[in-house]
Each structure stands twice: as C-alpha cells, then as structure tokens.
N, C-alpha and C. Protein backbone atom coordinates (compact mmCIF):
# COMPACT_ATOMS: atom_id res chain seq x y z
N MET A 1 -52.54 108.77 82.09
CA MET A 1 -51.32 108.21 81.55
C MET A 1 -50.96 108.95 80.27
N LYS A 2 -49.72 109.25 80.10
CA LYS A 2 -49.22 109.93 78.91
C LYS A 2 -48.86 108.90 77.83
N GLU A 3 -48.82 109.38 76.59
CA GLU A 3 -48.53 108.51 75.45
C GLU A 3 -47.19 107.81 75.60
N ARG A 4 -46.18 108.54 76.00
CA ARG A 4 -44.84 107.97 76.12
C ARG A 4 -44.80 106.86 77.16
N GLN A 5 -45.50 107.08 78.28
CA GLN A 5 -45.51 106.08 79.34
C GLN A 5 -46.21 104.81 78.85
N LEU A 6 -47.33 104.97 78.14
CA LEU A 6 -48.04 103.83 77.60
C LEU A 6 -47.13 103.04 76.66
N PHE A 7 -46.49 103.73 75.72
CA PHE A 7 -45.65 103.04 74.75
C PHE A 7 -44.43 102.41 75.41
N ALA A 8 -43.83 103.07 76.37
CA ALA A 8 -42.68 102.50 77.09
C ALA A 8 -43.08 101.21 77.80
N ASN A 9 -44.23 101.23 78.47
CA ASN A 9 -44.72 100.02 79.15
C ASN A 9 -45.08 98.93 78.14
N TYR A 10 -45.64 99.33 77.00
CA TYR A 10 -45.98 98.37 75.95
C TYR A 10 -44.71 97.68 75.45
N LEU A 11 -43.63 98.44 75.27
CA LEU A 11 -42.37 97.87 74.80
C LEU A 11 -41.75 96.91 75.82
N LYS A 12 -42.18 97.04 77.09
CA LYS A 12 -41.73 96.12 78.15
C LYS A 12 -42.67 94.94 78.27
N ASN A 13 -43.47 94.70 77.23
CA ASN A 13 -44.42 93.58 77.12
C ASN A 13 -45.65 93.71 78.01
N GLN A 14 -45.92 94.89 78.54
CA GLN A 14 -47.18 95.10 79.24
C GLN A 14 -48.25 95.31 78.17
N ARG A 15 -49.38 94.62 78.29
CA ARG A 15 -50.45 94.73 77.30
C ARG A 15 -51.78 95.16 77.92
N ASN A 16 -51.90 95.12 79.23
CA ASN A 16 -53.16 95.42 79.89
C ASN A 16 -53.22 96.88 80.33
N PHE A 17 -54.04 97.66 79.62
CA PHE A 17 -54.22 99.08 79.94
C PHE A 17 -55.71 99.38 80.10
N GLN A 18 -56.42 98.48 80.77
CA GLN A 18 -57.86 98.64 80.97
C GLN A 18 -58.17 99.94 81.68
N GLY A 19 -59.17 100.66 81.17
CA GLY A 19 -59.66 101.87 81.82
C GLY A 19 -58.74 103.07 81.75
N VAL A 20 -57.66 103.00 81.00
CA VAL A 20 -56.71 104.11 80.92
C VAL A 20 -57.35 105.33 80.26
N ASN A 21 -56.93 106.51 80.70
CA ASN A 21 -57.43 107.77 80.12
C ASN A 21 -56.37 108.32 79.17
N LEU A 22 -56.69 108.24 77.87
CA LEU A 22 -55.79 108.77 76.84
C LEU A 22 -56.55 109.76 75.97
N HIS A 23 -57.39 110.56 76.61
CA HIS A 23 -58.18 111.58 75.91
C HIS A 23 -57.25 112.48 75.10
N LYS A 24 -57.52 112.60 73.80
CA LYS A 24 -56.76 113.44 72.87
C LYS A 24 -55.28 113.05 72.75
N ALA A 25 -54.96 111.80 73.04
CA ALA A 25 -53.57 111.33 72.92
C ALA A 25 -53.16 111.25 71.45
N ASP A 26 -51.88 111.41 71.20
CA ASP A 26 -51.33 111.27 69.86
C ASP A 26 -50.54 109.97 69.80
N LEU A 27 -51.17 108.94 69.20
CA LEU A 27 -50.54 107.62 69.08
C LEU A 27 -50.37 107.26 67.61
N GLU A 28 -50.27 108.26 66.77
CA GLU A 28 -50.20 108.05 65.32
C GLU A 28 -49.05 107.14 64.93
N GLY A 29 -49.40 106.12 64.12
CA GLY A 29 -48.40 105.24 63.52
C GLY A 29 -47.77 104.21 64.44
N LEU A 30 -48.19 104.14 65.70
CA LEU A 30 -47.59 103.17 66.62
C LEU A 30 -48.09 101.76 66.34
N SER A 31 -47.30 100.78 66.72
CA SER A 31 -47.69 99.38 66.64
C SER A 31 -48.09 98.93 68.03
N LEU A 32 -49.40 98.73 68.23
CA LEU A 32 -49.93 98.35 69.54
C LEU A 32 -50.75 97.06 69.42
N GLN A 33 -50.21 96.09 68.74
CA GLN A 33 -50.91 94.83 68.51
C GLN A 33 -51.23 94.13 69.82
N ARG A 34 -52.43 93.57 69.86
CA ARG A 34 -52.92 92.76 71.00
C ARG A 34 -52.98 93.53 72.33
N ILE A 35 -53.05 94.84 72.27
CA ILE A 35 -53.16 95.64 73.48
C ILE A 35 -54.58 95.53 74.04
N ASN A 36 -54.71 95.59 75.35
CA ASN A 36 -56.03 95.55 76.00
C ASN A 36 -56.38 96.96 76.47
N LEU A 37 -57.33 97.58 75.77
CA LEU A 37 -57.80 98.92 76.12
C LEU A 37 -59.28 98.89 76.48
N THR A 38 -59.71 97.83 77.14
CA THR A 38 -61.09 97.70 77.57
C THR A 38 -61.47 98.89 78.44
N ARG A 39 -62.61 99.50 78.13
CA ARG A 39 -63.18 100.65 78.86
C ARG A 39 -62.22 101.85 78.93
N ALA A 40 -61.29 101.95 78.01
CA ALA A 40 -60.36 103.08 77.97
C ALA A 40 -61.04 104.29 77.33
N ASP A 41 -60.58 105.48 77.69
CA ASP A 41 -61.07 106.72 77.07
C ASP A 41 -60.00 107.22 76.10
N LEU A 42 -60.28 107.05 74.81
CA LEU A 42 -59.39 107.52 73.75
C LEU A 42 -60.11 108.58 72.92
N SER A 43 -61.11 109.21 73.49
CA SER A 43 -61.88 110.19 72.73
C SER A 43 -60.98 111.31 72.22
N GLY A 44 -61.21 111.67 70.95
CA GLY A 44 -60.43 112.74 70.33
C GLY A 44 -58.99 112.39 70.03
N ALA A 45 -58.60 111.14 70.20
CA ALA A 45 -57.20 110.74 70.00
C ALA A 45 -56.84 110.65 68.52
N ASN A 46 -55.56 110.77 68.25
CA ASN A 46 -55.02 110.60 66.90
C ASN A 46 -54.42 109.20 66.82
N LEU A 47 -55.11 108.32 66.09
CA LEU A 47 -54.66 106.95 65.91
C LEU A 47 -54.45 106.65 64.42
N LYS A 48 -54.14 107.67 63.64
CA LYS A 48 -53.90 107.48 62.20
C LYS A 48 -52.81 106.45 62.00
N GLN A 49 -53.08 105.50 61.11
CA GLN A 49 -52.12 104.48 60.72
C GLN A 49 -51.58 103.66 61.89
N THR A 50 -52.28 103.64 63.00
CA THR A 50 -51.87 102.86 64.16
C THR A 50 -52.25 101.40 63.94
N ASP A 51 -51.38 100.48 64.34
CA ASP A 51 -51.65 99.05 64.21
C ASP A 51 -52.22 98.54 65.53
N LEU A 52 -53.53 98.30 65.52
CA LEU A 52 -54.23 97.77 66.69
C LEU A 52 -54.79 96.38 66.39
N SER A 53 -54.11 95.64 65.52
CA SER A 53 -54.60 94.31 65.16
C SER A 53 -54.61 93.41 66.40
N GLY A 54 -55.71 92.67 66.54
CA GLY A 54 -55.87 91.78 67.68
C GLY A 54 -56.12 92.49 69.00
N ALA A 55 -56.32 93.80 68.97
CA ALA A 55 -56.53 94.57 70.21
C ALA A 55 -57.92 94.31 70.80
N CYS A 56 -58.04 94.53 72.08
CA CYS A 56 -59.33 94.45 72.76
C CYS A 56 -59.73 95.86 73.18
N LEU A 57 -60.80 96.37 72.56
CA LEU A 57 -61.29 97.71 72.84
C LEU A 57 -62.75 97.65 73.30
N VAL A 58 -63.11 96.60 74.02
CA VAL A 58 -64.47 96.41 74.50
C VAL A 58 -64.88 97.59 75.37
N GLN A 59 -66.03 98.16 75.07
CA GLN A 59 -66.63 99.26 75.83
C GLN A 59 -65.74 100.51 75.91
N ALA A 60 -64.82 100.65 74.99
CA ALA A 60 -63.94 101.82 74.99
C ALA A 60 -64.65 103.02 74.36
N ASN A 61 -64.22 104.21 74.74
CA ASN A 61 -64.75 105.45 74.20
C ASN A 61 -63.78 105.99 73.16
N LEU A 62 -64.17 105.90 71.90
CA LEU A 62 -63.37 106.43 70.81
C LEU A 62 -64.16 107.49 70.05
N THR A 63 -64.93 108.28 70.78
CA THR A 63 -65.68 109.37 70.18
C THR A 63 -64.74 110.34 69.48
N ASN A 64 -65.07 110.67 68.24
CA ASN A 64 -64.30 111.64 67.44
C ASN A 64 -62.83 111.29 67.30
N VAL A 65 -62.48 110.03 67.34
CA VAL A 65 -61.09 109.60 67.18
C VAL A 65 -60.74 109.55 65.69
N ASP A 66 -59.48 109.74 65.37
CA ASP A 66 -59.02 109.65 63.99
C ASP A 66 -58.28 108.33 63.81
N LEU A 67 -58.93 107.39 63.13
CA LEU A 67 -58.36 106.08 62.84
C LEU A 67 -58.14 105.92 61.34
N THR A 68 -57.85 107.01 60.66
CA THR A 68 -57.63 106.97 59.22
C THR A 68 -56.52 105.98 58.89
N SER A 69 -56.81 105.05 58.00
CA SER A 69 -55.84 104.04 57.53
C SER A 69 -55.25 103.20 58.66
N ALA A 70 -55.97 103.09 59.78
CA ALA A 70 -55.51 102.25 60.89
C ALA A 70 -55.70 100.78 60.56
N HIS A 71 -54.98 99.94 61.25
CA HIS A 71 -55.00 98.50 61.03
C HIS A 71 -55.60 97.86 62.29
N LEU A 72 -56.85 97.35 62.17
CA LEU A 72 -57.54 96.76 63.32
C LEU A 72 -57.96 95.32 63.06
N VAL A 73 -57.23 94.60 62.25
CA VAL A 73 -57.59 93.25 61.86
C VAL A 73 -57.80 92.37 63.10
N GLY A 74 -58.97 91.73 63.17
CA GLY A 74 -59.27 90.81 64.25
C GLY A 74 -59.48 91.45 65.61
N ALA A 75 -59.64 92.75 65.68
CA ALA A 75 -59.83 93.44 66.97
C ALA A 75 -61.22 93.17 67.53
N ASN A 76 -61.33 93.19 68.85
CA ASN A 76 -62.61 93.05 69.53
C ASN A 76 -63.11 94.46 69.86
N LEU A 77 -64.12 94.90 69.11
CA LEU A 77 -64.69 96.24 69.26
C LEU A 77 -66.12 96.15 69.80
N THR A 78 -66.41 95.14 70.58
CA THR A 78 -67.74 94.94 71.15
C THR A 78 -68.12 96.11 72.05
N GLU A 79 -69.32 96.63 71.85
CA GLU A 79 -69.89 97.71 72.66
C GLU A 79 -69.02 98.98 72.67
N ILE A 80 -68.26 99.19 71.62
CA ILE A 80 -67.38 100.35 71.52
C ILE A 80 -68.17 101.58 71.09
N ASN A 81 -67.72 102.75 71.52
CA ASN A 81 -68.33 104.01 71.12
C ASN A 81 -67.40 104.65 70.09
N LEU A 82 -67.86 104.65 68.82
CA LEU A 82 -67.10 105.25 67.73
C LEU A 82 -67.90 106.38 67.09
N ILE A 83 -68.69 107.08 67.88
CA ILE A 83 -69.51 108.17 67.37
C ILE A 83 -68.60 109.25 66.78
N GLY A 84 -68.84 109.60 65.51
CA GLY A 84 -68.08 110.65 64.85
C GLY A 84 -66.64 110.29 64.53
N ALA A 85 -66.27 109.02 64.67
CA ALA A 85 -64.89 108.60 64.40
C ALA A 85 -64.60 108.57 62.90
N ASP A 86 -63.36 108.83 62.55
CA ASP A 86 -62.92 108.74 61.15
C ASP A 86 -62.16 107.45 60.96
N LEU A 87 -62.81 106.48 60.29
CA LEU A 87 -62.21 105.19 60.01
C LEU A 87 -61.99 105.02 58.51
N SER A 88 -61.87 106.13 57.80
CA SER A 88 -61.71 106.05 56.35
C SER A 88 -60.42 105.32 56.00
N GLY A 89 -60.56 104.34 55.11
CA GLY A 89 -59.41 103.56 54.68
C GLY A 89 -58.88 102.59 55.71
N ALA A 90 -59.57 102.42 56.83
CA ALA A 90 -59.10 101.51 57.89
C ALA A 90 -59.33 100.06 57.50
N ASP A 91 -58.46 99.18 57.97
CA ASP A 91 -58.60 97.75 57.75
C ASP A 91 -59.22 97.13 58.99
N LEU A 92 -60.51 96.79 58.87
CA LEU A 92 -61.27 96.22 59.97
C LEU A 92 -61.65 94.77 59.67
N THR A 93 -60.81 94.08 58.93
CA THR A 93 -61.07 92.69 58.55
C THR A 93 -61.26 91.83 59.80
N GLY A 94 -62.41 91.13 59.85
CA GLY A 94 -62.67 90.18 60.92
C GLY A 94 -62.94 90.78 62.29
N VAL A 95 -63.20 92.08 62.38
CA VAL A 95 -63.48 92.67 63.69
C VAL A 95 -64.87 92.28 64.20
N ASP A 96 -65.04 92.32 65.50
CA ASP A 96 -66.34 92.09 66.12
C ASP A 96 -66.87 93.45 66.59
N LEU A 97 -67.92 93.93 65.91
CA LEU A 97 -68.53 95.22 66.23
C LEU A 97 -69.90 95.03 66.89
N SER A 98 -70.12 93.94 67.57
CA SER A 98 -71.41 93.69 68.22
C SER A 98 -71.76 94.82 69.18
N ASN A 99 -72.97 95.34 69.03
CA ASN A 99 -73.50 96.41 69.89
C ASN A 99 -72.67 97.69 69.86
N ALA A 100 -71.94 97.92 68.79
CA ALA A 100 -71.13 99.13 68.66
C ALA A 100 -71.98 100.32 68.24
N ASP A 101 -71.54 101.51 68.59
CA ASP A 101 -72.21 102.75 68.21
C ASP A 101 -71.32 103.50 67.23
N LEU A 102 -71.74 103.50 65.95
CA LEU A 102 -70.97 104.13 64.89
C LEU A 102 -71.74 105.28 64.26
N ARG A 103 -72.59 105.93 65.04
CA ARG A 103 -73.35 107.06 64.51
C ARG A 103 -72.40 108.13 63.98
N CYS A 104 -72.70 108.59 62.77
CA CYS A 104 -71.93 109.67 62.12
C CYS A 104 -70.46 109.34 61.91
N ALA A 105 -70.10 108.07 61.94
CA ALA A 105 -68.71 107.67 61.71
C ALA A 105 -68.42 107.66 60.21
N ASN A 106 -67.17 107.93 59.86
CA ASN A 106 -66.73 107.91 58.47
C ASN A 106 -66.01 106.59 58.21
N LEU A 107 -66.65 105.72 57.43
CA LEU A 107 -66.08 104.43 57.07
C LEU A 107 -65.84 104.36 55.56
N HIS A 108 -65.63 105.50 54.95
CA HIS A 108 -65.40 105.60 53.51
C HIS A 108 -64.15 104.77 53.15
N ASN A 109 -64.31 103.85 52.21
CA ASN A 109 -63.22 102.96 51.76
C ASN A 109 -62.68 102.05 52.85
N ALA A 110 -63.42 101.82 53.92
CA ALA A 110 -62.97 100.91 54.98
C ALA A 110 -63.17 99.46 54.56
N ASN A 111 -62.30 98.59 55.03
CA ASN A 111 -62.40 97.17 54.76
C ASN A 111 -63.01 96.47 55.97
N LEU A 112 -64.27 96.07 55.84
CA LEU A 112 -64.98 95.37 56.90
C LEU A 112 -65.28 93.93 56.48
N SER A 113 -64.45 93.38 55.61
CA SER A 113 -64.68 92.01 55.16
C SER A 113 -64.56 91.05 56.35
N LYS A 114 -65.46 90.08 56.37
CA LYS A 114 -65.51 89.05 57.42
C LYS A 114 -65.79 89.63 58.81
N ALA A 115 -66.25 90.88 58.88
CA ALA A 115 -66.56 91.51 60.17
C ALA A 115 -67.92 91.02 60.68
N LYS A 116 -68.11 91.14 61.97
CA LYS A 116 -69.38 90.80 62.60
C LYS A 116 -70.04 92.11 63.03
N LEU A 117 -71.18 92.43 62.40
CA LEU A 117 -71.93 93.63 62.73
C LEU A 117 -73.28 93.20 63.30
N GLN A 118 -73.33 93.02 64.58
CA GLN A 118 -74.55 92.59 65.25
C GLN A 118 -75.09 93.72 66.09
N GLU A 119 -76.31 94.18 65.73
CA GLU A 119 -76.99 95.24 66.46
C GLU A 119 -76.12 96.50 66.57
N VAL A 120 -75.56 96.90 65.43
CA VAL A 120 -74.69 98.07 65.34
C VAL A 120 -75.53 99.29 64.97
N ASN A 121 -75.30 100.42 65.62
CA ASN A 121 -75.99 101.67 65.28
C ASN A 121 -75.16 102.40 64.24
N LEU A 122 -75.68 102.48 63.00
CA LEU A 122 -74.98 103.13 61.91
C LEU A 122 -75.66 104.41 61.47
N GLY A 123 -76.50 104.99 62.31
CA GLY A 123 -77.23 106.21 61.95
C GLY A 123 -76.30 107.32 61.48
N GLY A 124 -76.46 107.75 60.23
CA GLY A 124 -75.67 108.85 59.69
C GLY A 124 -74.24 108.49 59.34
N ALA A 125 -73.87 107.21 59.41
CA ALA A 125 -72.50 106.79 59.07
C ALA A 125 -72.29 106.83 57.56
N ASP A 126 -71.05 107.02 57.15
CA ASP A 126 -70.68 107.02 55.73
C ASP A 126 -69.95 105.73 55.42
N LEU A 127 -70.63 104.83 54.70
CA LEU A 127 -70.05 103.56 54.30
C LEU A 127 -69.75 103.54 52.80
N THR A 128 -69.59 104.71 52.20
CA THR A 128 -69.31 104.80 50.77
C THR A 128 -68.07 104.00 50.41
N ASN A 129 -68.20 103.14 49.41
CA ASN A 129 -67.11 102.29 48.92
C ASN A 129 -66.55 101.34 49.98
N ALA A 130 -67.28 101.10 51.05
CA ALA A 130 -66.81 100.16 52.08
C ALA A 130 -66.93 98.72 51.58
N ASN A 131 -66.04 97.87 52.05
CA ASN A 131 -66.04 96.46 51.69
C ASN A 131 -66.60 95.66 52.86
N LEU A 132 -67.81 95.11 52.66
CA LEU A 132 -68.42 94.25 53.67
C LEU A 132 -68.57 92.83 53.14
N CYS A 133 -67.70 92.42 52.23
CA CYS A 133 -67.75 91.08 51.68
C CYS A 133 -67.56 90.04 52.79
N ASP A 134 -68.40 89.02 52.76
CA ASP A 134 -68.36 87.92 53.72
C ASP A 134 -68.60 88.37 55.17
N ALA A 135 -69.16 89.55 55.36
CA ALA A 135 -69.49 90.03 56.71
C ALA A 135 -70.77 89.37 57.20
N THR A 136 -70.92 89.28 58.50
CA THR A 136 -72.14 88.79 59.12
C THR A 136 -72.85 90.00 59.70
N ILE A 137 -74.07 90.27 59.19
CA ILE A 137 -74.80 91.47 59.57
C ILE A 137 -76.13 91.05 60.20
N VAL A 138 -76.26 91.24 61.50
CA VAL A 138 -77.45 90.80 62.22
C VAL A 138 -78.08 91.99 62.94
N ASN A 139 -79.39 92.20 62.69
CA ASN A 139 -80.15 93.28 63.33
C ASN A 139 -79.42 94.63 63.23
N THR A 140 -78.83 94.89 62.08
CA THR A 140 -78.13 96.15 61.81
C THR A 140 -78.76 96.77 60.59
N ASP A 141 -79.29 97.98 60.73
CA ASP A 141 -79.99 98.68 59.66
C ASP A 141 -79.01 99.49 58.83
N LEU A 142 -78.71 99.00 57.63
CA LEU A 142 -77.80 99.70 56.73
C LEU A 142 -78.47 100.89 56.04
N SER A 143 -79.81 100.93 56.06
CA SER A 143 -80.52 101.99 55.35
C SER A 143 -80.36 103.36 56.01
N VAL A 144 -79.87 103.41 57.24
CA VAL A 144 -79.69 104.69 57.93
C VAL A 144 -78.29 105.27 57.68
N ALA A 145 -77.52 104.61 56.82
CA ALA A 145 -76.16 105.05 56.51
C ALA A 145 -76.04 105.31 55.01
N ASP A 146 -75.01 106.04 54.62
CA ASP A 146 -74.71 106.25 53.21
C ASP A 146 -73.97 105.01 52.73
N THR A 147 -74.62 104.23 51.86
CA THR A 147 -74.04 102.96 51.41
C THR A 147 -73.75 102.95 49.91
N GLN A 148 -73.47 104.10 49.35
CA GLN A 148 -73.18 104.19 47.92
C GLN A 148 -71.95 103.35 47.57
N ASP A 149 -72.10 102.50 46.56
CA ASP A 149 -71.02 101.65 46.06
C ASP A 149 -70.45 100.71 47.12
N ILE A 150 -71.27 100.30 48.09
CA ILE A 150 -70.83 99.36 49.12
C ILE A 150 -70.74 97.96 48.50
N SER A 151 -69.80 97.17 48.96
CA SER A 151 -69.63 95.81 48.47
C SER A 151 -70.11 94.83 49.53
N LEU A 152 -71.16 94.06 49.20
CA LEU A 152 -71.75 93.12 50.16
C LEU A 152 -71.65 91.67 49.69
N GLU A 153 -70.82 91.39 48.70
CA GLU A 153 -70.73 90.05 48.14
C GLU A 153 -70.38 89.02 49.21
N GLY A 154 -71.20 87.98 49.29
CA GLY A 154 -70.96 86.89 50.24
C GLY A 154 -71.36 87.20 51.67
N SER A 155 -71.85 88.41 51.93
CA SER A 155 -72.25 88.74 53.31
C SER A 155 -73.57 88.06 53.64
N GLN A 156 -73.79 87.85 54.91
CA GLN A 156 -75.01 87.21 55.39
C GLN A 156 -75.74 88.22 56.26
N ARG A 157 -77.05 88.44 55.94
CA ARG A 157 -77.83 89.42 56.69
C ARG A 157 -79.05 88.76 57.29
N TRP A 158 -79.28 89.06 58.58
CA TRP A 158 -80.45 88.56 59.28
C TRP A 158 -81.09 89.67 60.07
N GLU A 159 -82.41 89.66 60.08
CA GLU A 159 -83.18 90.54 60.95
C GLU A 159 -84.00 89.63 61.85
N LEU A 160 -83.72 89.63 63.11
CA LEU A 160 -84.42 88.78 64.07
C LEU A 160 -85.42 89.60 64.85
N GLU A 161 -86.50 88.96 65.26
CA GLU A 161 -87.54 89.67 65.99
C GLU A 161 -87.08 90.10 67.37
N GLU A 162 -86.26 89.29 68.01
CA GLU A 162 -85.77 89.62 69.34
C GLU A 162 -84.26 89.82 69.28
N PRO A 163 -83.75 90.75 70.06
CA PRO A 163 -82.29 90.97 70.08
C PRO A 163 -81.57 89.70 70.53
N LEU A 164 -80.39 89.47 69.98
CA LEU A 164 -79.59 88.31 70.35
C LEU A 164 -78.86 88.53 71.67
N SER A 165 -78.56 89.76 71.97
CA SER A 165 -77.77 90.04 73.16
C SER A 165 -78.32 91.25 73.89
N ILE A 166 -77.88 91.38 75.09
CA ILE A 166 -78.27 92.52 75.91
C ILE A 166 -77.00 93.31 76.19
N THR A 167 -77.10 94.63 76.12
CA THR A 167 -75.94 95.47 76.40
C THR A 167 -75.45 95.19 77.82
N SER A 168 -74.17 95.14 77.97
CA SER A 168 -73.56 94.85 79.25
C SER A 168 -73.97 95.86 80.32
N PRO A 169 -74.21 95.39 81.54
CA PRO A 169 -74.53 96.33 82.63
C PRO A 169 -73.33 97.18 83.01
N HIS A 170 -72.14 96.82 82.51
CA HIS A 170 -70.93 97.57 82.82
C HIS A 170 -70.61 98.61 81.77
N TRP A 171 -71.45 98.69 80.72
CA TRP A 171 -71.18 99.64 79.63
C TRP A 171 -71.27 101.05 80.16
N VAL A 172 -70.31 101.84 79.81
CA VAL A 172 -70.26 103.23 80.28
C VAL A 172 -70.80 104.15 79.21
N SER A 173 -71.63 105.08 79.59
CA SER A 173 -72.16 106.06 78.67
C SER A 173 -71.22 107.26 78.64
N TRP A 174 -70.86 107.67 77.42
CA TRP A 174 -69.91 108.77 77.26
C TRP A 174 -70.61 109.99 76.69
N ALA A 175 -70.31 111.14 77.21
CA ALA A 175 -70.91 112.37 76.73
C ALA A 175 -70.25 112.82 75.42
N GLY A 176 -69.02 112.42 75.19
CA GLY A 176 -68.31 112.75 73.96
C GLY A 176 -67.79 114.09 74.00
C-alpha cells in the first residue's frame, strides 16, 4: 500500500490497516489518530511529527523508524519492534510498551510519563533526559541503557522472579 492510498482511506474514516506493508513510507506530519497498524511493517519509515495518539501498533515492525517529535499519547505499543528507532522528543505519555524491543533506540528527551514498561528490552537505548515520571516499570532493566538525567519521580519499579506475561505466539520476528 502506498502512503497516499493509506491517507485517502484514513480520511474516509477507515482505521483498520492491520498487516499493511509501509516499508520506508514517508508519513511525516500526518494526523493518524486511533489508526490500527497491528503487525504492520513500517521499518525505515519517516514518521517525524506524526500524530499517532491512541493508535494500535501491537506487534508492528518499526525498526529504524524516525519518530522524532511524534505524538503517541495513549498508543498501544505492546510487543512492538522499535530496534534502532529515533524517538527523540516524542510524546509517549501513557503508552503501553509491554514486551517491546527498544534496543539501541534513541529516546533522548522523550516523554514517557505514565507509560507502562513491562519486560521491555532497553539494551543500548538512549534515555538521556527522558521523562519517566509516574511510569510503571516492571521487569525492565534500566541499567543497560544510557539514563543520564532521567526523571523517575513518582514512578513505580518492580522486579518479579517470574515473568508476568508470555510473548504472543503470533509475534513476528523481523530481520530489520
């Protein structure tokens, strides 16, 4: 599917784009609130300043995507692949990142207040100046990321002996 076709259908109130292939698509600055991109391939896409608030991106592939200053308030990012993604300055207030893969992602100055980070892989991620105030952090190792000047005021952190959830059998592995 091409970018224009997606946006034209979106403007006609279509919101379900599950499994769509938008590899390297340019969707910069678009308003795509409450869109369903479950299991979509958006790897390498340009989503700078895109409004994806309330979107469903469960099990989506966003490897090396540019989400600089994007708006993802309340989005469902469960089991998402954000390896190498640039989320610098992004607003991720209240997002669900359960079982997400954020290895080597850039979250510099990102707002993750009230976010749910359960069993998130942050290996090599840059969380410099990130806001995690009032976030819920469960079985997520922050020590494997750059956390210089991170704000954790009011956040709740738990390390449990057994995982709370099991990765979905439908999760797709992406080569990136």
